[in-house]
Amino acid sequence: MYIDYRYHGRRYTNIRLDTYTPSMQIGKKIKILINPQAPANPTIPSAGILNLAIWGGIGLVFTILGSIFLKYVFADRGRRRLKKTGRQVTAIVSAITDSHVTLNGVVGKIIECYYEEADERYHFESAPVFNSTALHGLNVGDTIYVYVDPNNYSHYYVEV
């Protein structure tokens, strides 16, 4: 977008604006801000807010995508660590329920199970499972492996 204007009696023509808004049209007057030390570099009053909104929105999208990616990377690392160094226990499936997550039109299933040890019952839930073959033949009352941190049973991985 190029503009023409006068400042302190001097005429400036074909000055490029780095910002564009839909309200800018050929022949239409717009408000500009002039820096007295650099009158050949005008800006429009809403340019800062507009740039902040655009770049802030793009940054927010990449932050969310990066967070989701890192969550899965670290979750996978935790599962591998538990499978390698954790204690394997045999849990009993108590329920198979629908999750609130849908992937490609498939509702995920969550396997709820428990493990009893020394008069204490520990409850576990799997991550949502979207592969029906992973659940093939699995019913309530069947056994399933769970890898637990021996020092903290709240850190676990249900093997599906």
Protein backbone atom coordinates (compact mmCIF):
# COMPACT_ATOMS: atom_id res chain seq x y z
CA MET A 1 0.00 0.00 0.00
CA TYR A 2 1.45 3.35 -1.05
CA ILE A 3 0.25 6.73 0.18
CA ASP A 4 0.73 10.43 -0.56
CA TYR A 5 0.62 13.08 2.18
CA ARG A 6 1.88 16.50 3.30
CA TYR A 7 3.77 17.16 6.53
CA HIS A 8 4.97 20.65 7.55
CA GLY A 9 4.54 21.92 4.02
CA ARG A 10 6.55 19.16 2.42
CA ARG A 11 4.90 16.68 0.06
CA TYR A 12 5.62 12.94 0.37
CA THR A 13 4.53 10.69 -2.51
CA ASN A 14 4.49 6.94 -3.08
CA ILE A 15 5.47 6.22 0.51
CA ARG A 16 5.08 2.55 1.32
CA LEU A 17 3.03 1.53 4.36
CA ASP A 18 4.00 -1.77 5.95
CA THR A 19 0.46 -2.33 7.18
CA TYR A 20 -2.78 -2.87 5.33
CA THR A 21 -6.36 -2.98 6.58
CA PRO A 22 -9.52 -3.69 4.56
CA SER A 23 -10.73 -0.11 5.20
CA MET A 24 -7.87 1.26 3.06
CA GLN A 25 -9.09 1.99 -0.44
CA ILE A 26 -7.71 4.02 -3.33
CA GLY A 27 -8.62 7.67 -2.95
CA LYS A 28 -9.91 7.29 0.60
CA LYS A 29 -8.36 9.35 3.41
CA ILE A 30 -6.78 7.49 6.33
CA LYS A 31 -5.21 8.63 9.58
CA ILE A 32 -1.46 8.19 9.84
CA LEU A 33 1.06 8.81 12.58
CA ILE A 34 4.19 10.77 11.72
CA ASN A 35 7.43 10.59 13.68
CA PRO A 36 8.94 14.12 13.47
CA GLN A 37 12.46 12.61 13.32
CA ALA A 38 11.48 10.33 10.41
CA PRO A 39 8.51 11.87 8.56
CA ALA A 40 9.04 9.57 5.57
CA ASN A 41 8.17 6.50 7.69
CA PRO A 42 4.50 6.87 8.69
CA THR A 43 2.40 4.27 10.46
CA ILE A 44 -1.31 3.91 11.02
CA PRO A 45 -2.73 4.13 14.56
CA SER A 46 -4.00 0.54 14.72
CA ALA A 47 -0.89 -1.02 13.16
CA GLY A 48 0.59 -2.11 16.49
CA ILE A 49 -2.60 -3.78 17.64
CA LEU A 50 -3.16 -5.42 14.27
CA ASN A 51 0.39 -6.76 14.10
CA LEU A 52 0.15 -7.95 17.71
CA ALA A 53 -3.10 -9.77 16.95
CA ILE A 54 -1.77 -11.43 13.81
CA TRP A 55 1.66 -12.45 15.13
CA GLY A 56 0.30 -13.24 18.58
CA GLY A 57 -2.32 -15.53 17.00
CA ILE A 58 0.28 -17.30 14.89
CA GLY A 59 2.53 -17.67 17.93
CA LEU A 60 -0.35 -19.06 19.97
CA VAL A 61 -1.14 -21.69 17.33
CA PHE A 62 2.50 -22.84 17.20
CA THR A 63 2.72 -22.85 20.99
CA ILE A 64 -0.34 -25.09 21.25
CA LEU A 65 0.90 -27.45 18.52
CA GLY A 66 4.36 -27.61 20.10
CA SER A 67 2.87 -28.31 23.53
CA ILE A 68 0.78 -31.17 22.16
CA PHE A 69 3.82 -32.60 20.37
CA LEU A 70 5.98 -32.38 23.50
CA LYS A 71 3.23 -33.96 25.61
CA TYR A 72 3.21 -37.03 23.37
CA VAL A 73 7.00 -37.19 23.15
CA PHE A 74 7.38 -37.12 26.93
CA ALA A 75 4.42 -39.45 27.47
CA ASP A 76 6.02 -42.00 25.15
CA ARG A 77 9.33 -41.58 26.98
CA GLY A 78 7.53 -42.27 30.28
CA ARG A 79 5.87 -45.39 28.88
CA ARG A 80 9.20 -46.73 27.63
CA ARG A 81 10.84 -46.00 30.98
CA LEU A 82 8.05 -47.79 32.86
CA LYS A 83 8.22 -50.80 30.54
CA LYS A 84 11.98 -50.97 31.02
CA THR A 85 12.38 -50.21 34.74
CA GLY A 86 8.87 -50.47 36.18
CA ARG A 87 7.26 -53.38 37.93
CA GLN A 88 4.89 -55.45 35.81
CA VAL A 89 1.67 -56.36 37.64
CA THR A 90 -1.32 -58.30 36.40
CA ALA A 91 -4.50 -56.27 36.76
CA ILE A 92 -8.13 -57.31 36.32
CA VAL A 93 -10.25 -55.43 33.79
CA SER A 94 -13.18 -53.84 35.60
CA ALA A 95 -14.74 -51.84 32.73
CA ILE A 96 -14.27 -50.78 29.13
CA THR A 97 -15.84 -47.36 28.61
CA ASP A 98 -16.03 -44.74 25.87
CA SER A 99 -13.66 -41.82 26.17
CA HIS A 100 -14.57 -38.25 25.34
CA VAL A 101 -12.00 -38.23 22.54
CA THR A 102 -12.84 -39.02 18.92
CA LEU A 103 -10.18 -39.62 16.27
CA ASN A 104 -11.22 -39.87 12.61
CA GLY A 105 -14.79 -40.60 13.68
CA VAL A 106 -13.74 -43.42 16.04
CA VAL A 107 -14.61 -43.02 19.71
CA GLY A 108 -11.71 -44.06 21.91
CA LYS A 109 -12.13 -46.79 24.51
CA ILE A 110 -10.66 -46.60 28.00
CA ILE A 111 -9.79 -49.76 29.87
CA GLU A 112 -10.33 -49.51 33.60
CA CYS A 113 -8.62 -52.13 35.72
CA TYR A 114 -7.44 -52.79 39.25
CA TYR A 115 -4.68 -54.59 41.07
CA GLU A 116 -4.83 -55.84 44.65
CA GLU A 117 -1.82 -56.12 46.90
CA ALA A 118 -1.69 -56.52 50.69
CA ASP A 119 -5.32 -55.52 51.34
CA GLU A 120 -4.98 -52.49 49.07
CA ARG A 121 -6.65 -52.00 45.71
CA TYR A 122 -5.04 -49.83 43.03
CA HIS A 123 -7.16 -48.51 40.14
CA PHE A 124 -5.71 -47.81 36.69
CA GLU A 125 -7.04 -46.39 33.41
CA SER A 126 -5.53 -46.73 29.97
CA ALA A 127 -5.09 -43.91 27.52
CA PRO A 128 -7.86 -43.84 24.89
CA VAL A 129 -7.51 -46.82 22.52
CA PHE A 130 -8.71 -46.28 18.94
CA ASN A 131 -7.56 -49.58 17.44
CA SER A 132 -10.33 -52.16 17.71
CA THR A 133 -7.87 -55.04 17.20
CA ALA A 134 -6.08 -54.03 20.42
CA LEU A 135 -9.35 -54.66 22.28
CA HIS A 136 -10.28 -57.83 20.38
CA GLY A 137 -11.37 -60.47 22.84
CA LEU A 138 -10.74 -58.28 25.92
CA ASN A 139 -13.65 -58.45 28.36
CA VAL A 140 -14.44 -57.42 31.90
CA GLY A 141 -12.76 -59.89 34.25
CA ASP A 142 -9.82 -60.59 31.93
CA THR A 143 -6.29 -59.82 33.03
CA ILE A 144 -4.02 -57.17 31.54
CA TYR A 145 -0.46 -56.06 32.25
CA VAL A 146 0.20 -52.74 33.96
CA TYR A 147 3.68 -51.32 34.46
CA VAL A 148 3.99 -49.30 37.65
CA ASP A 149 6.70 -47.26 39.31
CA PRO A 150 7.46 -49.39 42.40
CA ASN A 151 7.90 -46.24 44.47
CA ASN A 152 4.73 -44.50 43.28
CA TYR A 153 1.82 -46.48 41.88
CA SER A 154 0.24 -43.28 40.52
CA HIS A 155 2.83 -43.48 37.72
CA TYR A 156 1.71 -46.35 35.54
CA TYR A 157 1.16 -47.54 32.00
CA VAL A 158 -1.64 -49.92 31.01
CA GLU A 159 -0.36 -52.11 28.19
CA VAL A 160 -2.93 -52.35 25.45
